[in-house]
Amino acid sequence: MKQKKGFVLREVCGEKVIVAEGIETIDFGKLISLNDTAAWIWEKASELGDFTAEQLAEAICSDYDVEADRALSDVKKLLSEWQHSGLLE
C-alpha cells in the first residue's frame, strides 16, 4: 500500500495534521490530527513509498520499546483508519 498523492503532514498551531494539497484532493475538506507516534508512522510510510503494516511495525520496534505484536496490531488499526479516510491506496 502507499499514501495517496496530495496528502502531506503539516504542523498547524502546534498540532500535527494531514492536509490535502493539489487538485486531486479538492473534495477532501478536513484535517486529520495525529499524535506524535502516528505522525512518525506517516513520515516512515512516506519514506518507504510502498509499505506494509509489517514493515512499519518493524520500524516502530527498532525505534521504540514496544512488543512486536502490539506494534503490528496498532499499525494495522491506524492504517485501517487512514484507508477509511481515503488517505491510502
Protein backbone atom coordinates (compact mmCIF):
# COMPACT_ATOMS: atom_id res chain seq x y z
CA MET A 1 0.00 0.00 0.00
CA LYS A 2 1.05 3.63 -0.26
CA GLN A 3 -0.07 7.10 0.66
CA LYS A 4 -2.46 8.70 -1.77
CA LYS A 5 -0.88 11.53 -3.74
CA GLY A 6 -1.64 15.00 -2.45
CA PHE A 7 -1.73 14.38 1.30
CA VAL A 8 1.04 15.85 3.43
CA LEU A 9 1.90 16.13 7.11
CA ARG A 10 1.98 19.70 8.42
CA GLU A 11 2.19 21.37 11.80
CA VAL A 12 -0.74 23.71 12.41
CA CYS A 13 -0.95 25.63 15.68
CA GLY A 14 1.35 23.10 17.33
CA GLU A 15 -0.67 20.11 16.15
CA LYS A 16 0.49 17.59 13.54
CA VAL A 17 -2.16 17.17 10.86
CA ILE A 18 -2.54 15.57 7.47
CA VAL A 19 -3.89 18.03 4.91
CA ALA A 20 -4.80 17.75 1.28
CA GLU A 21 -2.87 19.67 -1.37
CA GLY A 22 -3.46 19.84 -5.10
CA ILE A 23 -6.34 19.32 -7.47
CA GLU A 24 -6.53 15.54 -6.88
CA THR A 25 -7.77 16.15 -3.34
CA ILE A 26 -10.16 19.03 -3.90
CA ASP A 27 -13.12 17.15 -2.38
CA PHE A 28 -11.23 16.38 0.83
CA GLY A 29 -12.38 19.10 3.21
CA LYS A 30 -10.92 18.03 6.52
CA LEU A 31 -7.76 17.85 8.59
CA ILE A 32 -6.64 14.60 10.19
CA SER A 33 -4.96 15.26 13.54
CA LEU A 34 -2.15 12.89 14.54
CA ASN A 35 -0.36 12.20 17.78
CA ASP A 36 3.44 12.04 17.71
CA THR A 37 3.58 8.29 17.06
CA ALA A 38 1.02 8.41 14.25
CA ALA A 39 2.93 11.33 12.69
CA TRP A 40 6.13 9.27 12.93
CA ILE A 41 4.37 6.37 11.18
CA TRP A 42 3.11 8.72 8.43
CA GLU A 43 6.64 10.02 7.87
CA LYS A 44 8.11 6.49 7.84
CA ALA A 45 5.44 5.36 5.35
CA SER A 46 6.29 8.37 3.19
CA GLU A 47 9.98 7.42 3.24
CA LEU A 48 9.19 3.83 2.25
CA GLY A 49 6.80 4.71 -0.58
CA ASP A 50 5.19 1.29 -0.95
CA PHE A 51 4.88 -0.25 2.51
CA THR A 52 3.22 -2.96 4.54
CA ALA A 53 1.91 -2.91 8.08
CA GLU A 54 4.65 -5.37 8.95
CA GLN A 55 7.39 -3.04 7.69
CA LEU A 56 6.02 -0.14 9.70
CA ALA A 57 5.66 -2.29 12.83
CA GLU A 58 9.28 -3.44 12.45
CA ALA A 59 10.42 0.16 12.16
CA ILE A 60 8.50 1.10 15.29
CA CYS A 61 10.06 -1.77 17.23
CA SER A 62 13.54 -0.67 16.18
CA ASP A 63 12.95 2.92 17.36
CA TYR A 64 10.60 2.41 20.33
CA ASP A 65 10.37 -0.02 23.23
CA VAL A 66 7.23 -1.87 22.15
CA GLU A 67 6.37 -5.53 21.62
CA ALA A 68 6.11 -6.67 18.01
CA ASP A 69 2.55 -7.99 18.35
CA ARG A 70 1.33 -4.74 19.91
CA ALA A 71 3.11 -2.63 17.28
CA LEU A 72 1.60 -4.64 14.43
CA SER A 73 -1.89 -4.51 15.93
CA ASP A 74 -1.68 -0.74 16.45
CA VAL A 75 -0.27 -0.11 12.96
CA LYS A 76 -3.00 -2.20 11.34
CA LYS A 77 -5.68 -0.26 13.23
CA LEU A 78 -4.15 3.07 12.21
CA LEU A 79 -3.78 2.04 8.56
CA SER A 80 -7.40 0.89 8.53
CA GLU A 81 -8.49 4.33 9.76
CA TRP A 82 -6.35 6.03 7.12
CA GLN A 83 -7.74 3.72 4.43
CA HIS A 84 -11.29 4.54 5.53
CA SER A 85 -10.47 8.26 5.38
CA GLY A 86 -9.14 7.93 1.83
CA LEU A 87 -5.50 8.64 2.65
CA LEU A 88 -4.09 5.37 1.26
CA GLU A 89 -4.16 3.43 -2.00
